[in-house]
Amino acid sequence: MTPWVLTEWEWAELPLSAEAVLAAQAHLGSALSAEPSAGGFRLRAHGVAGMVALPGGVLHLRPQVPSLHLLALADYAARGLSWGEDLVGMAGTQELLPLLGSLYVRRVERLARGGWVHGYQEEEAEQPVLRGRWRVDRDIARPPTHRHRLTCRFDDFTRDVAPNRVLLAALRVLERASLFGAAVSARASALAATLDGVHAQAAVRAAQKVIASDRRFAAYGPAVGLAHILLESTGVQATQGPHPLASFVVRLAPLFEAAVTRALVQVAGTRGVTCHVQRALTLDAEGRLTLIPDIVLERGDARLVIDAKYKLPAEGLPPADDFQQLVTYLACVGTHQGALVLPAPGAVPEETTLNLSTFGQTSQVRVVKVPLGGRATTVGAALEAAAERLVLWLASPIRPGQDAAGKARNSAAQSRSRWMAAS
């Protein structure tokens, strides 16, 4: 199998067949751009990392941001905590899949050493004696020859609960896929053997619900967070059986947006600012068209609309359509303040303020770039520092002259009314 490498946001000419390109686009969709060339095809990927198995080879997708930093970003999005306890001996690893697999088995091994946590699981079975609740409605319709056993519903204290099921399902993925490394596969197989009697199920939401409601499972959070990435990113052939792993694609935009949202929610809460996340707004009077901004910060009459984008524009600014989308949000919410939050590959935060004249008014838009290229342990601090600057900016007044008179003010008042109604 021929290995092909595609680095995020960079064009590369690869000797792929049309069949292989179509297969790659089936997995990656709009995240892959392709153009015919003399040597095959020119390809560029954005917002994805991992691998895709193609006819005749494997396409490796390398992120622009270091792999270790991406895992720190995902961990922050899941837990809202600074990251660093798992870094020992891993800083030199560059490839995403071996790094992710090694980090996951390390966390699961830590849980196994402490002993698997048991929980109550509702079961229904036929019993010779009454246990729990008797399902009379079922047994009354049975013939007399079968009434020597009772259908009972009861709570069984077992380790076959949602968090352990999710961990086992992710271990099965690592066990079958050689792309994570032979050592990782062997360790995953050994850990899976300790979970005998547990059914492998990718019920991540059920596991997260148990973790949030039962403090005995609190230590499971970091491992379940990585299990979510493993299970969500595997291809359709990553199920039990002899088939190889068809693809493993991590979508980076949702990770970045979730991490930015987590940072803003935390910082806004400490400053007494209301943070609305993914609240739908109506664009037309009949309510048939809706817009959903990522975040709206609100304190009193002041509002700030924030849109997180996982983009690394070469020119330093995002494309014009991102600004057009944000300005539409501003008009619907009835404010003059907006921000685009993007990642920066370096270690220094970047910030640019633009004055945009649209819809008969002048709005201030800040482009805030969160540095993801420093140390992995500082990713959480960088996100919270950017969130702190945005929350403080909400309290600063708009400069005189930026608010157009007459019609613009009336339009803003109507938009504020719609926003309050939606709230």
Foldseek 3Di string as FASTA:
>chain_A
DDEAEAEAPDKDDDQDAPQQVVQVCVQQPPQKDWDQDPRHIIIHGHQKAWWFDGVPYIYGYFYLFFLLLLLLLLLCLQPVDFDDPQPPPPPPDGHNQLSLLVSLLVLLVVCVVVPQAWDWDKDKDWAQDEDAAFPCVVLVPDDPVPNSITTYIYIDTGSQFDLVLLSLLLLLLLLQACVNPPVSNVSSVVSNVVVPPHHRDNPLVRNVVCCVVPVVCVSSRSSSSSSNLSVVQWDPPSDPDNDYTRIGMGRRFVSNLSSLLSLLVVLCVVVVKDKDAQQWFADDPVRPDIDTFGIWIDDPPFIETEHEGADDDPVPDDDPVVVVSQVSVCLLQLHQHYEYEYEDAADDKDKDWDWDQDPNFTHIYMYTYQYSNDDSSCNSVSSNVSSNVVVVVSPDDDDPPRQGDDPSNVSSVVSNVSNVVSD
